[in-house]
């Protein structure tokens, strides 16, 4: 399958699911689409690759784990929200290696605190932060304090995610 051609054909859930199904658990195919999302010269292709890659990585985090550092690095670059959303959607399902947790925490903390970011970016950042902080009482309390600061003015989705963390 020529992923670049397929990604540019249609923007429907049915077509996305066909690509997701084709990739399945194949690490070579996963890397091919991830490379398109991260490195294509065509901005639209990068954005279009983000949709299926986020579903594949979310459903098969083992495919994404070898690319964890790359996904974190992606968040440090100014990019289209779809790229960040895809990276974060995957990262929230990964057991981030200890040597990368500090870097992931740092960028996700910044994204959570940036009220100009899309809600999904902030919500997924919140989940990544929680996954890192849940076994560190001091970090968890710091995260909960930040969440409380934004809770009152948060969207319904933000509040839903926040409640899960605050009640943990």
Protein backbone atom coordinates (compact mmCIF):
# COMPACT_ATOMS: atom_id res chain seq x y z
CA UNK A 1 0.00 0.00 0.00
CA UNK A 2 1.24 3.47 -0.84
CA UNK A 3 0.37 5.23 2.40
CA UNK A 4 0.93 8.73 1.07
CA UNK A 5 -1.56 8.17 -1.75
CA UNK A 6 -4.08 6.47 0.52
CA UNK A 7 -3.92 9.20 3.13
CA UNK A 8 -4.60 11.88 0.54
CA UNK A 9 -7.59 10.06 -1.02
CA UNK A 10 -10.31 10.37 1.58
CA UNK A 11 -10.88 11.92 5.00
CA UNK A 12 -13.54 9.59 6.34
CA UNK A 13 -13.63 7.38 9.41
CA UNK A 14 -14.24 4.37 7.15
CA UNK A 15 -11.09 5.09 5.15
CA UNK A 16 -9.08 5.76 8.32
CA UNK A 17 -10.26 2.44 9.74
CA UNK A 18 -9.24 0.67 6.53
CA UNK A 19 -5.71 2.05 6.92
CA UNK A 20 -5.65 1.18 10.62
CA UNK A 21 -6.79 -2.37 9.81
CA UNK A 22 -4.17 -2.74 7.07
CA UNK A 23 -1.35 -1.61 9.38
CA UNK A 24 -2.60 -3.82 12.19
CA UNK A 25 0.31 -4.76 14.41
CA UNK A 26 2.96 -4.40 11.71
CA UNK A 27 5.84 -2.27 13.06
CA UNK A 28 7.22 -1.53 9.57
CA UNK A 29 3.88 -0.12 8.39
CA UNK A 30 3.48 1.82 11.64
CA UNK A 31 6.89 3.40 11.19
CA UNK A 32 6.09 4.28 7.56
CA UNK A 33 3.00 6.26 8.53
CA UNK A 34 4.74 7.78 11.56
CA UNK A 35 7.55 8.96 9.25
CA UNK A 36 4.97 10.60 6.99
CA UNK A 37 3.42 12.36 9.98
CA UNK A 38 6.74 13.61 11.27
CA UNK A 39 8.81 14.19 8.16
CA UNK A 40 6.72 14.72 5.04
CA UNK A 41 7.38 17.95 3.18
CA UNK A 42 3.63 18.20 2.53
CA UNK A 43 1.94 19.70 5.57
CA UNK A 44 -1.49 18.26 4.66
CA UNK A 45 -0.03 14.77 4.38
CA UNK A 46 1.53 15.15 7.83
CA UNK A 47 -1.84 16.20 9.27
CA UNK A 48 -3.70 13.42 7.47
CA UNK A 49 -1.22 10.80 8.71
CA UNK A 50 -1.83 11.89 12.30
CA UNK A 51 -5.39 10.59 12.38
CA UNK A 52 -4.73 6.90 11.65
CA UNK A 53 -1.38 6.87 13.47
CA UNK A 54 -3.05 8.05 16.66
CA UNK A 55 -5.57 5.21 16.46
CA UNK A 56 -2.95 2.59 15.65
CA UNK A 57 -0.62 3.73 18.45
CA UNK A 58 -3.48 4.02 20.92
CA UNK A 59 -4.72 0.50 20.16
CA UNK A 60 -1.24 -1.06 19.84
CA UNK A 61 1.05 0.92 22.16
CA UNK A 62 3.77 -1.73 21.78
CA UNK A 63 4.24 -0.49 18.19
CA UNK A 64 4.78 3.05 19.42
CA UNK A 65 7.05 2.34 22.39
CA UNK A 66 10.26 2.23 20.31
CA UNK A 67 9.33 5.72 19.04
CA UNK A 68 8.57 7.18 22.47
CA UNK A 69 11.51 9.61 22.47
CA UNK A 70 10.60 10.82 18.97
CA UNK A 71 6.98 11.40 19.99
CA UNK A 72 8.10 13.43 23.01
CA UNK A 73 10.52 15.48 20.87
CA UNK A 74 7.65 16.24 18.48
CA UNK A 75 5.84 18.05 21.29
CA UNK A 76 8.71 20.52 21.68
CA UNK A 77 8.29 21.72 18.09
CA UNK A 78 5.66 24.20 16.97
CA UNK A 79 3.40 22.16 14.75
CA UNK A 80 -0.17 21.64 13.69
CA UNK A 81 -2.43 20.64 16.61
CA UNK A 82 -3.22 17.33 14.86
CA UNK A 83 0.43 16.28 15.14
CA UNK A 84 0.62 17.11 18.84
CA UNK A 85 -2.77 15.51 19.50
CA UNK A 86 -1.68 12.27 17.81
CA UNK A 87 1.61 12.13 19.72
CA UNK A 88 -0.12 12.80 23.03
CA UNK A 89 -2.93 10.34 22.36
CA UNK A 90 -0.31 7.64 21.90
CA UNK A 91 1.88 8.75 24.82
CA UNK A 92 -1.02 8.52 27.24
CA UNK A 93 -1.16 4.77 26.51
CA UNK A 94 2.58 4.13 26.84
CA UNK A 95 4.58 3.14 29.84
CA UNK A 96 7.10 5.93 29.27
CA UNK A 97 10.62 4.75 30.09
CA UNK A 98 12.05 6.30 33.24
CA UNK A 99 14.85 8.08 31.38
CA UNK A 100 12.26 9.94 29.26
CA UNK A 101 9.74 10.74 31.99
CA UNK A 102 11.35 14.04 33.01
CA UNK A 103 11.30 15.36 29.48
CA UNK A 104 7.73 14.14 28.91
CA UNK A 105 6.59 15.67 32.19
CA UNK A 106 8.23 18.99 31.35
CA UNK A 107 6.59 19.43 27.95
CA UNK A 108 3.20 18.08 29.01
CA UNK A 109 3.20 20.43 31.99
CA UNK A 110 3.80 23.36 29.63
CA UNK A 111 1.06 22.18 27.27
CA UNK A 112 -1.43 21.74 30.10
CA UNK A 113 -0.74 25.26 31.32
CA UNK A 114 -1.05 26.83 27.87
CA UNK A 115 -4.71 27.87 27.78
CA UNK A 116 -4.36 28.78 24.09
CA UNK A 117 -3.84 25.12 23.21
CA UNK A 118 -6.77 23.01 21.99
CA UNK A 119 -8.72 21.20 24.69
CA UNK A 120 -7.68 17.74 23.43
CA UNK A 121 -4.00 18.69 23.66
CA UNK A 122 -4.45 19.83 27.25
CA UNK A 123 -6.55 16.79 28.22
CA UNK A 124 -4.11 14.28 26.73
CA UNK A 125 -1.23 16.16 28.40
CA UNK A 126 -3.06 15.91 31.71
CA UNK A 127 -3.35 12.12 31.29
CA UNK A 128 0.34 11.72 30.39
CA UNK A 129 1.25 13.81 33.44
CA UNK A 130 -0.98 11.69 35.65
CA UNK A 131 0.56 8.46 34.35
CA UNK A 132 4.01 9.75 35.26
CA UNK A 133 3.01 11.32 38.60
CA UNK A 134 0.62 8.69 39.98
CA UNK A 135 3.36 6.91 41.94
CA UNK A 136 5.08 10.14 43.04
CA UNK A 137 2.94 11.82 45.75
CA UNK A 138 4.63 15.23 45.47
CA UNK A 139 4.31 15.36 41.68
CA UNK A 140 0.73 14.15 41.86
CA UNK A 141 -0.22 16.90 44.32
CA UNK A 142 1.47 19.49 42.11
CA UNK A 143 -0.50 18.20 39.11
CA UNK A 144 -3.77 18.24 41.05
CA UNK A 145 -3.14 21.83 42.16
CA UNK A 146 -2.69 22.92 38.54
CA UNK A 147 -5.81 21.04 37.48
CA UNK A 148 -7.83 22.73 40.23
CA UNK A 149 -6.63 26.13 38.97
CA UNK A 150 -8.10 25.47 35.51
CA UNK A 151 -11.12 23.41 36.51
CA UNK A 152 -13.71 26.16 36.93
CA UNK A 153 -13.21 27.55 33.42
CA UNK A 154 -12.52 24.22 31.73
CA UNK A 155 -14.60 22.67 28.97
CA UNK A 156 -16.82 19.68 29.77
CA UNK A 157 -14.14 17.35 28.38
CA UNK A 158 -11.43 19.02 30.41
CA UNK A 159 -13.55 18.76 33.56
CA UNK A 160 -14.30 15.09 32.92
CA UNK A 161 -10.62 14.22 32.62
CA UNK A 162 -9.79 16.45 35.58
CA UNK A 163 -12.36 14.73 37.82
CA UNK A 164 -10.86 11.32 37.07
CA UNK A 165 -7.46 12.54 38.16
CA UNK A 166 -8.64 14.59 41.13
CA UNK A 167 -10.63 11.65 42.45
CA UNK A 168 -7.75 9.17 42.11
